[in-house]
Amino acid sequence: MCICAHHLLSDELAGLIQLAIFYADATKGAFDIALAGTFKSLSNLATLDDYRVQKKKLAPFASCAHLILEGNHLTFANEYTKIDLGGLVKEYAVDQSILILQSAGVSSALVNFGGDIAAIGKYEDSLWKIGIQDPENFDCNLMEVELNDTSLCTSGHSKRYVMFEDEKISHVIASKECSKHYSQVSIIAPTTVDAGVWSTALLSNSHIVLPEHIKVFAV
């Protein structure tokens, strides 16, 4: 094994990396910070052929299996594997915000960081009501859901993508080819991290087995 990079992490960052590795295993690689990080540079390529060639080259390295986390020490096992916490850190921030509010004695609140939402308590004696946007018509909602001490996250292909010639490439890159694809997945879960991870994972791989404690709204 070629050890190509070694980093000393803060306690909080090490905890986030450990959480990410846990979810990579739980989702069978459908959510993987190394998948997102390693493939991130693909959006800068000039042609669709370049994209496909480079993706095939990097695919063996796009996995948390190439990360070695020992305490606060993170080692990359090769020069190609990169990580991107973008699918985790915002959701983590929402959960931390809720904990801060609760520690300050707040019993009713809604925190929304760019569509990653957590709600505690009630709003004027009613549950918090949140609309889920229609991916085909941004001016309309598909449905309305209620939150009470739970979180809601949505992952989709409709807003974030790059164009290669006439083909759209989503910012969520599938770890495996699937016969069935969703255009958008919304999940209600006990924590925002849980909701965000599983919505991204199901969008990436529609065949994964989901935990029983989450609610899914997929189109």
N, C-alpha and C. Protein backbone atom coordinates (compact mmCIF):
# COMPACT_ATOMS: atom_id res chain seq x y z
N MET A 1 0.84 -1.19 0.00
CA MET A 1 0.00 0.00 0.00
C MET A 1 0.88 1.24 0.00
N CYS A 2 0.55 2.17 -0.91
CA CYS A 2 1.28 3.44 -0.98
C CYS A 2 0.54 4.48 -0.14
N ILE A 3 1.15 4.94 0.94
CA ILE A 3 0.55 5.97 1.77
C ILE A 3 0.90 7.33 1.18
N CYS A 4 -0.11 8.02 0.62
CA CYS A 4 0.18 9.23 -0.15
C CYS A 4 -0.11 10.51 0.60
N ALA A 5 -0.95 10.49 1.62
CA ALA A 5 -1.24 11.72 2.35
C ALA A 5 -1.71 11.37 3.75
N HIS A 6 -1.23 12.15 4.71
CA HIS A 6 -1.57 11.92 6.11
C HIS A 6 -1.97 13.25 6.74
N HIS A 7 -3.09 13.24 7.50
CA HIS A 7 -3.61 14.49 8.06
C HIS A 7 -4.00 14.28 9.52
N LEU A 8 -3.70 15.27 10.34
CA LEU A 8 -4.14 15.29 11.73
C LEU A 8 -5.41 16.13 11.80
N LEU A 9 -6.50 15.55 12.29
CA LEU A 9 -7.81 16.19 12.29
C LEU A 9 -8.21 16.65 13.68
N SER A 10 -9.08 17.64 13.72
CA SER A 10 -9.71 18.01 14.99
C SER A 10 -10.65 16.91 15.43
N ASP A 11 -11.06 16.94 16.68
CA ASP A 11 -11.98 15.93 17.19
C ASP A 11 -13.29 15.94 16.39
N GLU A 12 -13.79 17.13 16.11
CA GLU A 12 -15.08 17.24 15.40
C GLU A 12 -14.96 16.70 13.98
N LEU A 13 -13.90 17.07 13.27
CA LEU A 13 -13.73 16.60 11.90
C LEU A 13 -13.50 15.10 11.85
N ALA A 14 -12.73 14.58 12.79
CA ALA A 14 -12.52 13.13 12.85
C ALA A 14 -13.85 12.41 13.07
N GLY A 15 -14.70 13.00 13.92
CA GLY A 15 -16.01 12.41 14.16
C GLY A 15 -16.87 12.42 12.91
N LEU A 16 -16.79 13.47 12.12
CA LEU A 16 -17.54 13.54 10.88
C LEU A 16 -17.06 12.50 9.87
N ILE A 17 -15.75 12.34 9.77
CA ILE A 17 -15.19 11.34 8.86
C ILE A 17 -15.62 9.94 9.29
N GLN A 18 -15.59 9.69 10.59
CA GLN A 18 -16.03 8.39 11.10
C GLN A 18 -17.50 8.14 10.78
N LEU A 19 -18.32 9.20 10.93
CA LEU A 19 -19.74 9.08 10.60
C LEU A 19 -19.92 8.80 9.11
N ALA A 20 -19.13 9.46 8.28
CA ALA A 20 -19.21 9.25 6.84
C ALA A 20 -18.83 7.82 6.46
N ILE A 21 -17.81 7.29 7.10
CA ILE A 21 -17.40 5.91 6.84
C ILE A 21 -18.50 4.93 7.26
N PHE A 22 -19.14 5.23 8.39
CA PHE A 22 -20.27 4.40 8.84
C PHE A 22 -21.38 4.37 7.79
N TYR A 23 -21.73 5.54 7.26
CA TYR A 23 -22.82 5.60 6.28
C TYR A 23 -22.41 4.98 4.94
N ALA A 24 -21.16 5.07 4.57
CA ALA A 24 -20.70 4.41 3.34
C ALA A 24 -20.93 2.91 3.44
N ASP A 25 -20.68 2.36 4.62
CA ASP A 25 -20.90 0.94 4.85
C ASP A 25 -22.40 0.63 4.91
N ALA A 26 -23.17 1.46 5.62
CA ALA A 26 -24.61 1.21 5.79
C ALA A 26 -25.35 1.28 4.46
N THR A 27 -24.92 2.17 3.56
CA THR A 27 -25.59 2.32 2.27
C THR A 27 -24.95 1.49 1.17
N LYS A 28 -24.00 0.64 1.53
CA LYS A 28 -23.28 -0.19 0.56
C LYS A 28 -22.61 0.66 -0.54
N GLY A 29 -22.12 1.81 -0.12
CA GLY A 29 -21.38 2.65 -1.05
C GLY A 29 -22.23 3.62 -1.85
N ALA A 30 -23.56 3.60 -1.67
CA ALA A 30 -24.41 4.54 -2.40
C ALA A 30 -24.18 5.97 -1.93
N PHE A 31 -23.87 6.13 -0.65
CA PHE A 31 -23.41 7.42 -0.14
C PHE A 31 -21.96 7.23 0.29
N ASP A 32 -21.08 8.01 -0.30
CA ASP A 32 -19.66 7.83 -0.01
C ASP A 32 -18.95 9.16 -0.25
N ILE A 33 -18.34 9.73 0.78
CA ILE A 33 -17.67 11.02 0.63
C ILE A 33 -16.47 10.92 -0.31
N ALA A 34 -15.94 9.72 -0.48
CA ALA A 34 -14.83 9.53 -1.42
C ALA A 34 -15.35 9.44 -2.86
N LEU A 35 -16.57 8.94 -3.03
CA LEU A 35 -17.19 8.93 -4.35
C LEU A 35 -17.40 10.36 -4.83
N ALA A 36 -17.98 11.19 -3.95
CA ALA A 36 -18.23 12.59 -4.31
C ALA A 36 -16.92 13.35 -4.53
N GLY A 37 -15.95 13.13 -3.66
CA GLY A 37 -14.70 13.86 -3.76
C GLY A 37 -13.83 13.47 -4.94
N THR A 38 -13.73 12.19 -5.19
CA THR A 38 -12.87 11.70 -6.27
C THR A 38 -13.42 12.08 -7.64
N PHE A 39 -14.74 12.07 -7.77
CA PHE A 39 -15.36 12.39 -9.06
C PHE A 39 -15.62 13.88 -9.25
N LYS A 40 -15.34 14.69 -8.25
CA LYS A 40 -15.70 16.11 -8.31
C LYS A 40 -15.04 16.83 -9.48
N SER A 41 -13.81 16.47 -9.79
CA SER A 41 -13.08 17.14 -10.87
C SER A 41 -13.62 16.82 -12.25
N LEU A 42 -14.49 15.82 -12.37
CA LEU A 42 -14.99 15.42 -13.68
C LEU A 42 -15.80 16.52 -14.34
N SER A 43 -16.42 17.38 -13.54
CA SER A 43 -17.26 18.44 -14.11
C SER A 43 -16.45 19.48 -14.87
N ASN A 44 -15.15 19.47 -14.70
CA ASN A 44 -14.29 20.45 -15.37
C ASN A 44 -13.79 19.98 -16.74
N LEU A 45 -14.13 18.75 -17.11
CA LEU A 45 -13.64 18.21 -18.37
C LEU A 45 -14.38 18.81 -19.56
N ALA A 46 -13.79 18.67 -20.74
CA ALA A 46 -14.30 19.38 -21.92
C ALA A 46 -15.39 18.63 -22.66
N THR A 47 -15.29 17.29 -22.73
CA THR A 47 -16.23 16.53 -23.55
C THR A 47 -16.82 15.36 -22.78
N LEU A 48 -17.90 14.81 -23.31
CA LEU A 48 -18.54 13.66 -22.69
C LEU A 48 -17.62 12.45 -22.73
N ASP A 49 -16.87 12.27 -23.81
CA ASP A 49 -15.92 11.16 -23.89
C ASP A 49 -14.83 11.29 -22.82
N ASP A 50 -14.34 12.51 -22.63
CA ASP A 50 -13.35 12.74 -21.58
C ASP A 50 -13.92 12.37 -20.22
N TYR A 51 -15.17 12.76 -19.99
CA TYR A 51 -15.84 12.45 -18.72
C TYR A 51 -15.91 10.95 -18.49
N ARG A 52 -16.35 10.22 -19.49
CA ARG A 52 -16.52 8.77 -19.35
C ARG A 52 -15.18 8.06 -19.14
N VAL A 53 -14.16 8.49 -19.87
CA VAL A 53 -12.84 7.87 -19.74
C VAL A 53 -12.26 8.12 -18.35
N GLN A 54 -12.34 9.36 -17.89
CA GLN A 54 -11.77 9.71 -16.60
C GLN A 54 -12.55 9.08 -15.45
N LYS A 55 -13.87 9.00 -15.59
CA LYS A 55 -14.68 8.36 -14.55
C LYS A 55 -14.31 6.88 -14.41
N LYS A 56 -14.13 6.21 -15.53
CA LYS A 56 -13.73 4.80 -15.50
C LYS A 56 -12.36 4.62 -14.85
N LYS A 57 -11.46 5.57 -15.11
CA LYS A 57 -10.12 5.50 -14.54
C LYS A 57 -10.15 5.70 -13.02
N LEU A 58 -11.00 6.63 -12.57
CA LEU A 58 -11.02 6.97 -11.14
C LEU A 58 -11.92 6.06 -10.31
N ALA A 59 -12.83 5.34 -10.96
CA ALA A 59 -13.83 4.54 -10.24
C ALA A 59 -13.24 3.60 -9.18
N PRO A 60 -12.12 2.91 -9.44
CA PRO A 60 -11.59 2.01 -8.41
C PRO A 60 -11.12 2.72 -7.14
N PHE A 61 -10.92 4.04 -7.21
CA PHE A 61 -10.40 4.78 -6.07
C PHE A 61 -11.47 5.60 -5.36
N ALA A 62 -12.71 5.57 -5.89
CA ALA A 62 -13.79 6.41 -5.37
C ALA A 62 -14.54 5.69 -4.25
N SER A 63 -13.85 5.43 -3.15
CA SER A 63 -14.44 4.66 -2.06
C SER A 63 -13.74 4.97 -0.74
N CYS A 64 -14.53 4.97 0.34
CA CYS A 64 -13.97 5.15 1.68
C CYS A 64 -13.06 4.00 2.08
N ALA A 65 -13.09 2.93 1.30
CA ALA A 65 -12.19 1.81 1.59
C ALA A 65 -10.73 2.24 1.48
N HIS A 66 -10.47 3.35 0.81
CA HIS A 66 -9.09 3.84 0.65
C HIS A 66 -8.72 4.88 1.71
N LEU A 67 -9.58 5.04 2.71
CA LEU A 67 -9.29 5.94 3.83
C LEU A 67 -8.95 5.12 5.06
N ILE A 68 -7.95 5.56 5.78
CA ILE A 68 -7.55 4.90 7.03
C ILE A 68 -7.67 5.94 8.14
N LEU A 69 -8.66 5.76 9.02
CA LEU A 69 -8.87 6.69 10.12
C LEU A 69 -8.50 5.99 11.41
N GLU A 70 -7.47 6.51 12.07
CA GLU A 70 -7.02 5.98 13.35
C GLU A 70 -7.01 7.12 14.36
N GLY A 71 -8.03 7.14 15.21
CA GLY A 71 -8.17 8.26 16.13
C GLY A 71 -8.40 9.54 15.34
N ASN A 72 -7.52 10.51 15.51
CA ASN A 72 -7.64 11.78 14.79
C ASN A 72 -6.72 11.84 13.56
N HIS A 73 -6.17 10.70 13.17
CA HIS A 73 -5.23 10.65 12.06
C HIS A 73 -5.91 10.02 10.84
N LEU A 74 -5.97 10.78 9.74
CA LEU A 74 -6.57 10.29 8.50
C LEU A 74 -5.48 10.13 7.45
N THR A 75 -5.45 8.93 6.86
CA THR A 75 -4.47 8.63 5.83
C THR A 75 -5.19 8.22 4.55
N PHE A 76 -4.73 8.78 3.41
CA PHE A 76 -5.22 8.38 2.10
C PHE A 76 -4.26 7.33 1.53
N ALA A 77 -4.83 6.23 1.07
CA ALA A 77 -4.00 5.11 0.64
C ALA A 77 -3.47 5.26 -0.78
N ASN A 78 -3.92 6.28 -1.50
CA ASN A 78 -3.41 6.50 -2.86
C ASN A 78 -3.56 7.98 -3.20
N GLU A 79 -3.00 8.37 -4.33
CA GLU A 79 -3.00 9.79 -4.71
C GLU A 79 -4.28 10.22 -5.40
N TYR A 80 -5.18 9.28 -5.75
CA TYR A 80 -6.37 9.62 -6.51
C TYR A 80 -7.61 9.86 -5.64
N THR A 81 -7.70 9.17 -4.52
CA THR A 81 -8.87 9.29 -3.67
C THR A 81 -8.93 10.66 -3.00
N LYS A 82 -10.08 11.32 -3.15
CA LYS A 82 -10.36 12.60 -2.51
C LYS A 82 -11.67 12.47 -1.74
N ILE A 83 -11.91 13.40 -0.82
CA ILE A 83 -13.18 13.37 -0.09
C ILE A 83 -13.88 14.72 -0.24
N ASP A 84 -15.20 14.67 -0.13
CA ASP A 84 -16.04 15.87 -0.18
C ASP A 84 -17.15 15.68 0.85
N LEU A 85 -17.17 16.55 1.86
CA LEU A 85 -18.16 16.45 2.94
C LEU A 85 -19.44 17.21 2.63
N GLY A 86 -19.58 17.66 1.37
CA GLY A 86 -20.73 18.48 1.01
C GLY A 86 -22.07 17.80 1.25
N GLY A 87 -22.14 16.48 1.19
CA GLY A 87 -23.40 15.77 1.41
C GLY A 87 -23.67 15.46 2.86
N LEU A 88 -22.82 15.97 3.75
CA LEU A 88 -22.94 15.62 5.17
C LEU A 88 -22.84 16.84 6.09
N VAL A 89 -21.97 17.79 5.75
CA VAL A 89 -21.62 18.82 6.73
C VAL A 89 -22.76 19.82 6.95
N LYS A 90 -23.53 20.13 5.91
CA LYS A 90 -24.66 21.06 6.10
C LYS A 90 -25.73 20.42 6.97
N GLU A 91 -26.00 19.15 6.74
CA GLU A 91 -26.97 18.42 7.55
C GLU A 91 -26.51 18.33 9.01
N TYR A 92 -25.22 18.11 9.18
CA TYR A 92 -24.64 18.08 10.52
C TYR A 92 -24.81 19.43 11.21
N ALA A 93 -24.63 20.51 10.46
CA ALA A 93 -24.77 21.86 11.02
C ALA A 93 -26.21 22.12 11.47
N VAL A 94 -27.17 21.61 10.71
CA VAL A 94 -28.58 21.76 11.11
C VAL A 94 -28.83 21.05 12.44
N ASP A 95 -28.34 19.82 12.55
CA ASP A 95 -28.53 19.06 13.80
C ASP A 95 -27.84 19.75 14.97
N GLN A 96 -26.66 20.30 14.75
CA GLN A 96 -25.97 21.01 15.81
C GLN A 96 -26.72 22.28 16.22
N SER A 97 -27.33 22.94 15.25
CA SER A 97 -28.11 24.14 15.56
C SER A 97 -29.31 23.80 16.45
N ILE A 98 -29.96 22.68 16.15
CA ILE A 98 -31.08 22.24 16.98
C ILE A 98 -30.62 21.96 18.41
N LEU A 99 -29.48 21.30 18.55
CA LEU A 99 -28.96 21.01 19.90
C LEU A 99 -28.64 22.29 20.65
N ILE A 100 -28.09 23.29 19.96
CA ILE A 100 -27.78 24.57 20.60
C ILE A 100 -29.07 25.26 21.06
N LEU A 101 -30.08 25.24 20.21
CA LEU A 101 -31.36 25.84 20.58
C LEU A 101 -31.98 25.14 21.79
N GLN A 102 -31.95 23.83 21.77
CA GLN A 102 -32.52 23.07 22.89
C GLN A 102 -31.76 23.32 24.19
N SER A 103 -30.43 23.45 24.10
CA SER A 103 -29.64 23.71 25.30
C SER A 103 -29.93 25.10 25.87
N ALA A 104 -30.44 26.00 25.00
CA ALA A 104 -30.80 27.34 25.44
C ALA A 104 -32.24 27.43 25.93
N GLY A 105 -32.92 26.29 25.95
CA GLY A 105 -34.28 26.25 26.46
C GLY A 105 -35.36 26.43 25.41
N VAL A 106 -34.98 26.47 24.14
CA VAL A 106 -35.97 26.62 23.06
C VAL A 106 -36.66 25.28 22.83
N SER A 107 -37.98 25.28 22.84
CA SER A 107 -38.73 24.04 22.67
C SER A 107 -39.49 23.97 21.35
N SER A 108 -39.53 25.08 20.62
CA SER A 108 -40.23 25.10 19.34
C SER A 108 -39.41 25.91 18.34
N ALA A 109 -38.97 25.27 17.27
CA ALA A 109 -38.14 25.96 16.28
C ALA A 109 -38.07 25.16 14.99
N LEU A 110 -37.77 25.87 13.91
CA LEU A 110 -37.49 25.23 12.63
C LEU A 110 -36.19 25.79 12.10
N VAL A 111 -35.29 24.91 11.72
CA VAL A 111 -33.99 25.30 11.15
C VAL A 111 -33.96 24.82 9.70
N ASN A 112 -33.65 25.72 8.79
CA ASN A 112 -33.63 25.40 7.36
C ASN A 112 -32.35 25.94 6.75
N PHE A 113 -31.44 25.05 6.42
CA PHE A 113 -30.21 25.42 5.72
C PHE A 113 -30.31 24.93 4.28
N GLY A 114 -30.79 25.79 3.39
CA GLY A 114 -30.84 25.44 1.98
C GLY A 114 -31.68 24.22 1.66
N GLY A 115 -32.78 24.05 2.38
CA GLY A 115 -33.68 22.93 2.13
C GLY A 115 -33.45 21.72 3.01
N ASP A 116 -32.38 21.71 3.78
CA ASP A 116 -32.18 20.67 4.80
C ASP A 116 -32.81 21.20 6.08
N ILE A 117 -33.88 20.53 6.52
CA ILE A 117 -34.78 21.11 7.52
C ILE A 117 -34.92 20.21 8.73
N ALA A 118 -34.89 20.81 9.91
CA ALA A 118 -35.18 20.12 11.16
C ALA A 118 -36.18 20.95 11.94
N ALA A 119 -37.13 20.28 12.58
CA ALA A 119 -38.16 20.99 13.35
C ALA A 119 -38.33 20.33 14.71
N ILE A 120 -38.47 21.16 15.73
CA ILE A 120 -38.78 20.67 17.07
C ILE A 120 -40.04 21.37 17.56
N GLY A 121 -40.80 20.66 18.40
CA GLY A 121 -42.03 21.24 18.93
C GLY A 121 -43.06 21.47 17.85
N LYS A 122 -43.90 22.50 18.07
CA LYS A 122 -44.98 22.81 17.15
C LYS A 122 -44.97 24.29 16.77
N TYR A 123 -45.73 24.59 15.72
CA TYR A 123 -45.89 25.97 15.29
C TYR A 123 -47.34 26.37 15.52
N GLU A 124 -47.56 27.23 16.50
CA GLU A 124 -48.91 27.70 16.85
C GLU A 124 -49.87 26.52 17.05
N ASP A 125 -49.44 25.58 17.90
CA ASP A 125 -50.24 24.40 18.28
C ASP A 125 -50.46 23.40 17.15
N SER A 126 -49.78 23.57 16.03
CA SER A 126 -49.88 22.62 14.93
C SER A 126 -48.49 22.10 14.57
N LEU A 127 -48.45 20.95 13.93
CA LEU A 127 -47.18 20.44 13.46
C LEU A 127 -46.64 21.35 12.36
N TRP A 128 -45.32 21.37 12.23
CA TRP A 128 -44.70 22.14 11.16
C TRP A 128 -45.06 21.54 9.80
N LYS A 129 -45.57 22.35 8.89
CA LYS A 129 -45.98 21.88 7.57
C LYS A 129 -44.98 22.38 6.53
N ILE A 130 -44.41 21.45 5.77
CA ILE A 130 -43.37 21.76 4.79
C ILE A 130 -43.79 21.23 3.42
N GLY A 131 -43.68 22.06 2.40
CA GLY A 131 -43.99 21.62 1.05
C GLY A 131 -42.77 20.99 0.37
N ILE A 132 -43.01 19.92 -0.37
CA ILE A 132 -41.97 19.28 -1.17
C ILE A 132 -42.14 19.71 -2.62
N GLN A 133 -41.14 20.36 -3.16
CA GLN A 133 -41.23 20.97 -4.49
C GLN A 133 -41.32 19.92 -5.59
N ASP A 134 -42.11 20.26 -6.61
CA ASP A 134 -42.22 19.43 -7.80
C ASP A 134 -40.97 19.63 -8.66
N PRO A 135 -40.20 18.56 -8.93
CA PRO A 135 -38.97 18.72 -9.71
C PRO A 135 -39.23 19.10 -11.17
N GLU A 136 -40.46 18.94 -11.63
CA GLU A 136 -40.81 19.30 -13.01
C GLU A 136 -41.40 20.71 -13.11
N ASN A 137 -41.82 21.26 -11.96
CA ASN A 137 -42.41 22.60 -11.93
C ASN A 137 -42.06 23.24 -10.59
N PHE A 138 -41.04 24.07 -10.59
CA PHE A 138 -40.53 24.63 -9.35
C PHE A 138 -41.51 25.58 -8.66
N ASP A 139 -42.57 25.99 -9.36
CA ASP A 139 -43.57 26.89 -8.77
C ASP A 139 -44.64 26.13 -7.99
N CYS A 140 -44.59 24.81 -8.04
CA CYS A 140 -45.62 23.99 -7.38
C CYS A 140 -44.99 23.00 -6.41
N ASN A 141 -45.79 22.53 -5.48
CA ASN A 141 -45.38 21.48 -4.55
C ASN A 141 -46.05 20.17 -4.92
N LEU A 142 -45.32 19.09 -4.77
CA LEU A 142 -45.90 17.76 -4.98
C LEU A 142 -46.84 17.39 -3.85
N MET A 143 -46.45 17.78 -2.64
CA MET A 143 -47.20 17.41 -1.45
C MET A 143 -46.74 18.26 -0.29
N GLU A 144 -47.45 18.13 0.81
CA GLU A 144 -47.09 18.79 2.06
C GLU A 144 -46.93 17.73 3.13
N VAL A 145 -45.85 17.83 3.89
CA VAL A 145 -45.60 16.87 4.97
C VAL A 145 -45.53 17.61 6.30
N GLU A 146 -45.68 16.86 7.38
CA GLU A 146 -45.65 17.44 8.71
C GLU A 146 -44.43 16.94 9.47
N LEU A 147 -43.79 17.85 10.18
CA LEU A 147 -42.60 17.53 10.97
C LEU A 147 -42.87 17.82 12.44
N ASN A 148 -42.40 16.92 13.28
CA ASN A 148 -42.49 17.09 14.73
C ASN A 148 -41.31 16.36 15.35
N ASP A 149 -40.27 17.10 15.74
CA ASP A 149 -39.05 16.51 16.27
C ASP A 149 -38.41 15.56 15.26
N THR A 150 -38.49 15.96 14.00
CA THR A 150 -37.91 15.17 12.91
C THR A 150 -37.27 16.11 11.89
N SER A 151 -36.63 15.51 10.89
CA SER A 151 -35.94 16.28 9.85
C SER A 151 -36.40 15.84 8.47
N LEU A 152 -36.29 16.75 7.51
CA LEU A 152 -36.64 16.48 6.12
C LEU A 152 -35.51 16.95 5.22
N CYS A 153 -35.07 16.07 4.33
CA CYS A 153 -34.07 16.44 3.31
C CYS A 153 -34.52 15.91 1.96
N THR A 154 -34.20 16.65 0.92
CA THR A 154 -34.54 16.26 -0.45
C THR A 154 -33.28 16.28 -1.31
N SER A 155 -33.11 15.23 -2.09
CA SER A 155 -32.03 15.16 -3.07
C SER A 155 -32.66 14.97 -4.44
N GLY A 156 -32.11 15.67 -5.45
CA GLY A 156 -32.67 15.54 -6.79
C GLY A 156 -31.67 15.89 -7.87
N HIS A 157 -32.06 15.58 -9.09
CA HIS A 157 -31.20 15.83 -10.24
C HIS A 157 -31.56 17.12 -10.98
N SER A 158 -32.70 17.72 -10.66
CA SER A 158 -33.26 18.75 -11.54
C SER A 158 -32.54 20.10 -11.47
N LYS A 159 -31.90 20.41 -10.34
CA LYS A 159 -31.33 21.75 -10.17
C LYS A 159 -29.82 21.80 -10.33
N ARG A 160 -29.13 20.76 -9.93
CA ARG A 160 -27.67 20.80 -9.94
C ARG A 160 -27.13 19.74 -10.89
N TYR A 161 -26.56 20.20 -11.97
CA TYR A 161 -26.01 19.28 -12.98
C TYR A 161 -25.05 20.06 -13.87
N VAL A 162 -24.26 19.33 -14.65
CA VAL A 162 -23.42 19.94 -15.68
C VAL A 162 -23.82 19.34 -17.02
N MET A 163 -23.58 20.10 -18.08
CA MET A 163 -23.92 19.64 -19.43
C MET A 163 -22.66 19.24 -20.17
N PHE A 164 -22.68 18.04 -20.74
CA PHE A 164 -21.65 17.60 -21.67
C PHE A 164 -22.35 17.34 -23.01
N GLU A 165 -22.09 18.23 -23.95
CA GLU A 165 -22.79 18.16 -25.23
C GLU A 165 -24.29 18.23 -24.97
N ASP A 166 -25.07 17.20 -25.28
CA ASP A 166 -26.52 17.26 -25.05
C ASP A 166 -26.94 16.43 -23.83
N GLU A 167 -25.99 15.99 -23.04
CA GLU A 167 -26.32 15.11 -21.92
C GLU A 167 -26.12 15.82 -20.59
N LYS A 168 -27.15 15.69 -19.72
CA LYS A 168 -27.05 16.23 -18.37
C LYS A 168 -26.37 15.21 -17.47
N ILE A 169 -25.40 15.68 -16.67
CA ILE A 169 -24.74 14.84 -15.68
C ILE A 169 -25.05 15.42 -14.31
N SER A 170 -25.76 14.68 -13.49
CA SER A 170 -26.17 15.16 -12.18
C SER A 170 -24.99 15.32 -11.25
N HIS A 171 -25.16 16.20 -10.25
CA HIS A 171 -24.13 16.35 -9.22
C HIS A 171 -24.07 15.12 -8.32
N VAL A 172 -25.16 14.32 -8.29
CA VAL A 172 -25.16 13.05 -7.57
C VAL A 172 -24.79 11.96 -8.56
N ILE A 173 -23.60 11.43 -8.44
CA ILE A 173 -23.10 10.42 -9.37
C ILE A 173 -23.34 9.04 -8.78
N ALA A 174 -24.02 8.19 -9.52
CA ALA A 174 -24.36 6.87 -9.03
C ALA A 174 -23.11 6.00 -8.87
N SER A 175 -23.09 5.23 -7.78
CA SER A 175 -21.99 4.30 -7.57
C SER A 175 -22.14 3.05 -8.43
N LYS A 176 -23.41 2.73 -8.77
CA LYS A 176 -23.68 1.57 -9.62
C LYS A 176 -24.79 1.92 -10.60
N GLU A 177 -24.78 1.25 -11.75
CA GLU A 177 -25.86 1.46 -12.71
C GLU A 177 -27.11 0.74 -12.23
N CYS A 178 -28.26 1.43 -12.30
CA CYS A 178 -29.52 0.85 -11.84
C CYS A 178 -30.54 0.87 -12.98
N SER A 179 -31.46 -0.10 -12.95
CA SER A 179 -32.49 -0.17 -13.98
C SER A 179 -33.61 0.84 -13.71
N LYS A 180 -33.73 1.27 -12.44
CA LYS A 180 -34.78 2.22 -12.05
C LYS A 180 -34.12 3.46 -11.46
N HIS A 181 -34.62 4.63 -11.88
CA HIS A 181 -34.02 5.87 -11.40
C HIS A 181 -35.10 6.80 -10.86
N TYR A 182 -34.81 7.48 -9.77
CA TYR A 182 -35.68 8.53 -9.27
C TYR A 182 -35.12 9.88 -9.71
N SER A 183 -36.03 10.84 -9.93
CA SER A 183 -35.58 12.19 -10.23
C SER A 183 -35.44 13.01 -8.95
N GLN A 184 -36.14 12.60 -7.90
CA GLN A 184 -36.08 13.32 -6.63
C GLN A 184 -36.48 12.39 -5.49
N VAL A 185 -35.78 12.51 -4.38
CA VAL A 185 -36.07 11.71 -3.19
C VAL A 185 -36.11 12.63 -1.97
N SER A 186 -37.21 12.56 -1.23
CA SER A 186 -37.33 13.28 0.03
C SER A 186 -37.49 12.26 1.15
N ILE A 187 -36.81 12.51 2.27
CA ILE A 187 -36.85 11.57 3.38
C ILE A 187 -37.05 12.31 4.69
N ILE A 188 -37.92 11.76 5.52
CA ILE A 188 -38.10 12.23 6.89
C ILE A 188 -37.42 11.23 7.81
N ALA A 189 -36.59 11.73 8.70
CA ALA A 189 -35.82 10.87 9.61
C ALA A 189 -35.62 11.60 10.94
N PRO A 190 -35.17 10.88 11.96
CA PRO A 190 -34.97 11.51 13.28
C PRO A 190 -33.93 12.62 13.29
N THR A 191 -32.91 12.53 12.43
CA THR A 191 -31.88 13.57 12.35
C THR A 191 -31.73 14.03 10.91
N THR A 192 -31.19 15.23 10.75
CA THR A 192 -30.98 15.77 9.41
C THR A 192 -29.88 15.02 8.68
N VAL A 193 -28.85 14.61 9.39
CA VAL A 193 -27.80 13.80 8.77
C VAL A 193 -28.39 12.52 8.20
N ASP A 194 -29.21 11.86 8.97
CA ASP A 194 -29.84 10.61 8.53
C ASP A 194 -30.70 10.85 7.28
N ALA A 195 -31.51 11.91 7.33
CA ALA A 195 -32.39 12.21 6.19
C ALA A 195 -31.58 12.56 4.95
N GLY A 196 -30.53 13.36 5.12
CA GLY A 196 -29.72 13.77 3.98
C GLY A 196 -28.95 12.63 3.35
N VAL A 197 -28.35 11.81 4.17
CA VAL A 197 -27.56 10.69 3.66
C VAL A 197 -28.44 9.72 2.90
N TRP A 198 -29.57 9.34 3.49
CA TRP A 198 -30.40 8.31 2.85
C TRP A 198 -31.12 8.84 1.61
N SER A 199 -31.43 10.14 1.58
CA SER A 199 -32.04 10.69 0.36
C SER A 199 -31.03 10.67 -0.79
N THR A 200 -29.79 11.03 -0.50
CA THR A 200 -28.74 10.98 -1.52
C THR A 200 -28.45 9.54 -1.95
N ALA A 201 -28.41 8.64 -0.98
CA ALA A 201 -28.11 7.24 -1.28
C ALA A 201 -29.17 6.62 -2.17
N LEU A 202 -30.46 6.89 -1.86
CA LEU A 202 -31.54 6.30 -2.66
C LEU A 202 -31.59 6.93 -4.05
N LEU A 203 -31.26 8.20 -4.14
CA LEU A 203 -31.19 8.84 -5.46
C LEU A 203 -30.07 8.22 -6.30
N SER A 204 -28.98 7.86 -5.65
CA SER A 204 -27.83 7.27 -6.33
C SER A 204 -28.09 5.82 -6.72
N ASN A 205 -28.77 5.09 -5.83
CA ASN A 205 -29.01 3.65 -6.07
C ASN A 205 -30.40 3.30 -5.56
N SER A 206 -31.33 3.17 -6.47
CA SER A 206 -32.73 2.94 -6.10
C SER A 206 -32.98 1.55 -5.52
N HIS A 207 -31.98 0.67 -5.55
CA HIS A 207 -32.16 -0.71 -5.08
C HIS A 207 -31.64 -0.95 -3.66
N ILE A 208 -31.13 0.09 -3.01
CA ILE A 208 -30.59 -0.12 -1.67
C ILE A 208 -31.72 -0.44 -0.68
N VAL A 209 -31.37 -1.16 0.36
CA VAL A 209 -32.32 -1.49 1.43
C VAL A 209 -32.33 -0.35 2.44
N LEU A 210 -33.50 0.22 2.68
CA LEU A 210 -33.62 1.37 3.56
C LEU A 210 -33.96 0.95 4.98
N PRO A 211 -33.49 1.69 5.98
CA PRO A 211 -33.87 1.38 7.37
C PRO A 211 -35.34 1.67 7.61
N GLU A 212 -35.94 0.98 8.58
CA GLU A 212 -37.37 1.10 8.80
C GLU A 212 -37.77 2.43 9.44
N HIS A 213 -36.82 3.14 10.04
CA HIS A 213 -37.19 4.34 10.80
C HIS A 213 -37.35 5.59 9.94
N ILE A 214 -37.20 5.49 8.63
CA ILE A 214 -37.33 6.66 7.77
C ILE A 214 -38.59 6.57 6.91
N LYS A 215 -39.08 7.74 6.50
CA LYS A 215 -40.22 7.83 5.58
C LYS A 215 -39.70 8.37 4.25
N VAL A 216 -40.14 7.76 3.16
CA VAL A 216 -39.63 8.09 1.83
C VAL A 216 -40.73 8.62 0.94
N PHE A 217 -40.41 9.70 0.22
CA PHE A 217 -41.29 10.25 -0.82
C PHE A 217 -40.42 10.42 -2.06
N ALA A 218 -40.60 9.54 -3.03
CA ALA A 218 -39.72 9.53 -4.20
C ALA A 218 -40.53 9.60 -5.49
N VAL A 219 -39.99 10.34 -6.46
CA VAL A 219 -40.64 10.43 -7.77
C VAL A 219 -39.58 10.24 -8.86
